[in-house]
């Protein structure tokens, strides 16, 4: 399963538009975003839908879009998600 499949399952088959996603997260500060990330990741792990391969796949898809600083920060987050 890749990250897109995980998101579709999380949304029960409904795909969110980019505008919906932006609206949902735009008002959150970094701390709130991190809390949401770890909450969703824990739910995904508990349901068996999220695993290290999915997390690695997401990281690898995002990597070309990131600055070196962003890539390092995301790598740190990925390591935390894998614990």
N, C-alpha and C. Protein backbone atom coordinates (compact mmCIF):
# COMPACT_ATOMS: atom_id res chain seq x y z
N UNK A 1 0.85 -1.17 0.00
CA UNK A 1 0.00 0.00 0.00
C UNK A 1 0.89 1.24 0.00
N UNK A 2 0.51 2.23 -0.78
CA UNK A 2 1.26 3.47 -0.77
C UNK A 2 0.49 4.52 0.04
N UNK A 3 1.06 5.69 0.18
CA UNK A 3 0.46 6.72 1.02
C UNK A 3 -0.89 7.16 0.49
N UNK A 4 -1.06 7.21 -0.84
CA UNK A 4 -2.34 7.61 -1.41
C UNK A 4 -3.43 6.61 -1.06
N UNK A 5 -3.11 5.34 -1.12
CA UNK A 5 -4.08 4.31 -0.74
C UNK A 5 -4.43 4.42 0.73
N UNK A 6 -3.44 4.67 1.56
CA UNK A 6 -3.70 4.84 2.99
C UNK A 6 -4.66 6.01 3.22
N UNK A 7 -4.42 7.13 2.55
CA UNK A 7 -5.28 8.31 2.71
C UNK A 7 -6.69 8.00 2.24
N UNK A 8 -6.83 7.30 1.11
CA UNK A 8 -8.17 6.93 0.63
C UNK A 8 -8.89 6.07 1.66
N UNK A 9 -8.20 5.10 2.22
CA UNK A 9 -8.82 4.24 3.23
C UNK A 9 -9.17 5.03 4.48
N UNK A 10 -8.28 5.92 4.88
CA UNK A 10 -8.52 6.75 6.06
C UNK A 10 -9.78 7.59 5.86
N UNK A 11 -9.97 8.06 4.65
CA UNK A 11 -11.14 8.88 4.33
C UNK A 11 -12.31 8.04 3.84
N UNK A 12 -12.23 6.72 4.06
CA UNK A 12 -13.30 5.79 3.68
C UNK A 12 -13.67 5.93 2.21
N UNK A 13 -12.63 5.98 1.37
CA UNK A 13 -12.83 6.03 -0.07
C UNK A 13 -13.00 7.42 -0.63
N UNK A 14 -13.25 8.39 0.22
CA UNK A 14 -13.44 9.77 -0.24
C UNK A 14 -12.08 10.44 -0.31
N UNK A 15 -11.78 11.01 -1.44
CA UNK A 15 -10.52 11.73 -1.56
C UNK A 15 -10.77 13.20 -1.26
N UNK A 16 -9.88 13.78 -0.51
CA UNK A 16 -9.98 15.20 -0.18
C UNK A 16 -9.32 16.01 -1.27
N UNK A 17 -9.94 17.11 -1.62
CA UNK A 17 -9.32 18.01 -2.58
C UNK A 17 -8.17 18.74 -1.89
N UNK A 18 -7.22 19.23 -2.69
CA UNK A 18 -6.14 20.01 -2.06
C UNK A 18 -6.67 21.19 -1.25
N UNK A 19 -7.74 21.81 -1.73
CA UNK A 19 -8.32 22.94 -1.00
C UNK A 19 -8.85 22.51 0.36
N UNK A 20 -9.48 21.33 0.42
CA UNK A 20 -10.00 20.82 1.70
C UNK A 20 -8.87 20.55 2.68
N UNK A 21 -7.80 19.98 2.18
CA UNK A 21 -6.65 19.67 3.04
C UNK A 21 -6.02 20.96 3.55
N UNK A 22 -5.84 21.91 2.66
CA UNK A 22 -5.25 23.19 3.06
C UNK A 22 -6.12 23.87 4.11
N UNK A 23 -7.42 23.87 3.88
CA UNK A 23 -8.35 24.49 4.83
C UNK A 23 -8.27 23.83 6.19
N UNK A 24 -8.18 22.50 6.20
CA UNK A 24 -8.14 21.76 7.45
C UNK A 24 -6.90 22.09 8.28
N UNK A 25 -5.74 22.21 7.62
CA UNK A 25 -4.49 22.36 8.34
C UNK A 25 -3.92 23.77 8.36
N UNK A 26 -4.47 24.69 7.59
CA UNK A 26 -3.90 26.03 7.45
C UNK A 26 -3.81 26.80 8.76
N UNK A 27 -4.78 26.63 9.63
CA UNK A 27 -4.78 27.40 10.87
C UNK A 27 -3.98 26.79 11.99
N UNK A 28 -3.37 25.63 11.74
CA UNK A 28 -2.62 24.95 12.80
C UNK A 28 -1.18 25.43 12.87
N UNK A 29 -0.66 25.54 14.09
CA UNK A 29 0.76 25.83 14.23
C UNK A 29 1.54 24.52 14.16
N UNK A 30 2.86 24.59 14.23
CA UNK A 30 3.68 23.39 14.07
C UNK A 30 3.35 22.33 15.11
N UNK A 31 3.15 22.75 16.34
CA UNK A 31 2.85 21.81 17.40
C UNK A 31 1.53 21.07 17.13
N UNK A 32 0.52 21.79 16.69
CA UNK A 32 -0.75 21.17 16.37
C UNK A 32 -0.62 20.20 15.19
N UNK A 33 0.15 20.60 14.19
CA UNK A 33 0.37 19.73 13.03
C UNK A 33 1.09 18.45 13.44
N UNK A 34 2.08 18.57 14.30
CA UNK A 34 2.81 17.38 14.75
C UNK A 34 1.90 16.46 15.56
N UNK A 35 1.08 17.05 16.42
CA UNK A 35 0.12 16.24 17.18
C UNK A 35 -0.83 15.49 16.26
N UNK A 36 -1.33 16.17 15.24
CA UNK A 36 -2.23 15.54 14.27
C UNK A 36 -1.52 14.43 13.51
N UNK A 37 -0.29 14.68 13.10
CA UNK A 37 0.49 13.68 12.38
C UNK A 37 0.66 12.42 13.21
N UNK A 38 1.06 12.55 14.46
CA UNK A 38 1.30 11.39 15.30
C UNK A 38 0.00 10.70 15.69
N UNK A 39 -1.08 11.46 15.83
CA UNK A 39 -2.39 10.87 16.12
C UNK A 39 -2.85 10.00 14.95
N UNK A 40 -2.78 10.55 13.75
CA UNK A 40 -3.20 9.82 12.56
C UNK A 40 -2.29 8.60 12.33
N UNK A 41 -1.01 8.77 12.55
CA UNK A 41 -0.07 7.65 12.39
C UNK A 41 -0.38 6.53 13.39
N UNK A 42 -0.68 6.89 14.62
CA UNK A 42 -1.02 5.87 15.63
C UNK A 42 -2.29 5.13 15.25
N UNK A 43 -3.28 5.86 14.75
CA UNK A 43 -4.51 5.21 14.30
C UNK A 43 -4.23 4.25 13.14
N UNK A 44 -3.40 4.69 12.21
CA UNK A 44 -3.06 3.85 11.06
C UNK A 44 -2.29 2.61 11.46
N UNK A 45 -1.38 2.74 12.39
CA UNK A 45 -0.63 1.58 12.87
C UNK A 45 -1.56 0.62 13.61
N UNK A 46 -2.46 1.17 14.43
CA UNK A 46 -3.38 0.32 15.18
C UNK A 46 -4.30 -0.47 14.27
N UNK A 47 -4.69 0.14 13.15
CA UNK A 47 -5.58 -0.54 12.21
C UNK A 47 -4.81 -1.47 11.27
N UNK A 48 -3.47 -1.38 11.29
CA UNK A 48 -2.66 -2.22 10.42
C UNK A 48 -2.47 -1.65 9.03
N UNK A 49 -2.99 -0.47 8.78
CA UNK A 49 -2.89 0.13 7.45
C UNK A 49 -1.61 0.93 7.23
N UNK A 50 -1.00 1.36 8.31
CA UNK A 50 0.22 2.16 8.19
C UNK A 50 1.38 1.35 8.75
N UNK A 51 2.43 1.23 7.95
CA UNK A 51 3.62 0.51 8.39
C UNK A 51 4.85 1.26 7.89
N UNK A 52 6.01 0.77 8.22
CA UNK A 52 7.24 1.45 7.85
C UNK A 52 7.42 1.59 6.35
N UNK A 53 6.94 0.61 5.57
CA UNK A 53 7.05 0.70 4.11
C UNK A 53 6.23 1.87 3.57
N UNK A 54 5.05 2.07 4.11
CA UNK A 54 4.20 3.20 3.68
C UNK A 54 4.87 4.52 4.06
N UNK A 55 5.41 4.59 5.27
CA UNK A 55 6.08 5.80 5.73
C UNK A 55 7.30 6.09 4.85
N UNK A 56 8.09 5.07 4.56
CA UNK A 56 9.26 5.26 3.69
C UNK A 56 8.85 5.68 2.29
N UNK A 57 7.78 5.10 1.78
CA UNK A 57 7.29 5.47 0.46
C UNK A 57 6.89 6.93 0.39
N UNK A 58 6.21 7.40 1.42
CA UNK A 58 5.82 8.80 1.49
C UNK A 58 7.06 9.69 1.50
N UNK A 59 8.01 9.35 2.34
CA UNK A 59 9.24 10.14 2.42
C UNK A 59 9.94 10.19 1.06
N UNK A 60 10.05 9.06 0.40
CA UNK A 60 10.73 9.02 -0.89
C UNK A 60 10.00 9.82 -1.97
N UNK A 61 8.67 9.85 -1.90
CA UNK A 61 7.91 10.66 -2.86
C UNK A 61 8.09 12.15 -2.60
N UNK A 62 8.19 12.52 -1.35
CA UNK A 62 8.29 13.93 -0.99
C UNK A 62 9.71 14.48 -1.15
N UNK A 63 10.70 13.64 -1.01
CA UNK A 63 12.10 14.06 -0.98
C UNK A 63 12.49 15.01 -2.12
N UNK A 64 12.12 14.74 -3.37
CA UNK A 64 12.54 15.66 -4.44
C UNK A 64 11.93 17.06 -4.34
N UNK A 65 10.87 17.21 -3.56
CA UNK A 65 10.19 18.50 -3.44
C UNK A 65 10.72 19.35 -2.30
N UNK A 66 11.62 18.80 -1.51
CA UNK A 66 12.06 19.45 -0.28
C UNK A 66 13.44 20.07 -0.41
N UNK A 67 13.64 21.14 0.35
CA UNK A 67 14.98 21.70 0.48
C UNK A 67 15.79 20.75 1.35
N UNK A 68 17.11 20.88 1.37
CA UNK A 68 17.90 20.01 2.25
C UNK A 68 17.48 20.12 3.72
N UNK A 69 17.13 21.31 4.17
CA UNK A 69 16.70 21.49 5.56
C UNK A 69 15.37 20.79 5.81
N UNK A 70 14.44 20.94 4.88
CA UNK A 70 13.15 20.28 5.02
C UNK A 70 13.30 18.77 4.97
N UNK A 71 14.18 18.28 4.11
CA UNK A 71 14.41 16.84 4.00
C UNK A 71 14.96 16.28 5.31
N UNK A 72 15.87 17.02 5.94
CA UNK A 72 16.43 16.58 7.22
C UNK A 72 15.36 16.55 8.30
N UNK A 73 14.52 17.59 8.35
CA UNK A 73 13.44 17.64 9.34
C UNK A 73 12.46 16.50 9.11
N UNK A 74 12.12 16.24 7.84
CA UNK A 74 11.20 15.15 7.55
C UNK A 74 11.83 13.81 7.91
N UNK A 75 13.12 13.65 7.67
CA UNK A 75 13.80 12.40 8.03
C UNK A 75 13.70 12.17 9.54
N UNK A 76 13.88 13.24 10.31
CA UNK A 76 13.74 13.13 11.77
C UNK A 76 12.32 12.70 12.16
N UNK A 77 11.34 13.29 11.51
CA UNK A 77 9.95 12.91 11.79
C UNK A 77 9.66 11.47 11.40
N UNK A 78 10.20 11.05 10.28
CA UNK A 78 10.01 9.67 9.81
C UNK A 78 10.59 8.70 10.84
N UNK A 79 11.76 9.01 11.35
CA UNK A 79 12.36 8.15 12.38
C UNK A 79 11.47 8.07 13.62
N UNK A 80 10.87 9.18 14.00
CA UNK A 80 9.95 9.17 15.15
C UNK A 80 8.71 8.36 14.85
N UNK A 81 8.20 8.47 13.62
CA UNK A 81 7.01 7.71 13.25
C UNK A 81 7.26 6.20 13.26
N UNK A 82 8.49 5.83 13.00
CA UNK A 82 8.82 4.40 12.94
C UNK A 82 9.00 3.77 14.32
N UNK A 83 9.06 4.57 15.36
CA UNK A 83 9.27 4.02 16.70
C UNK A 83 8.02 3.40 17.25
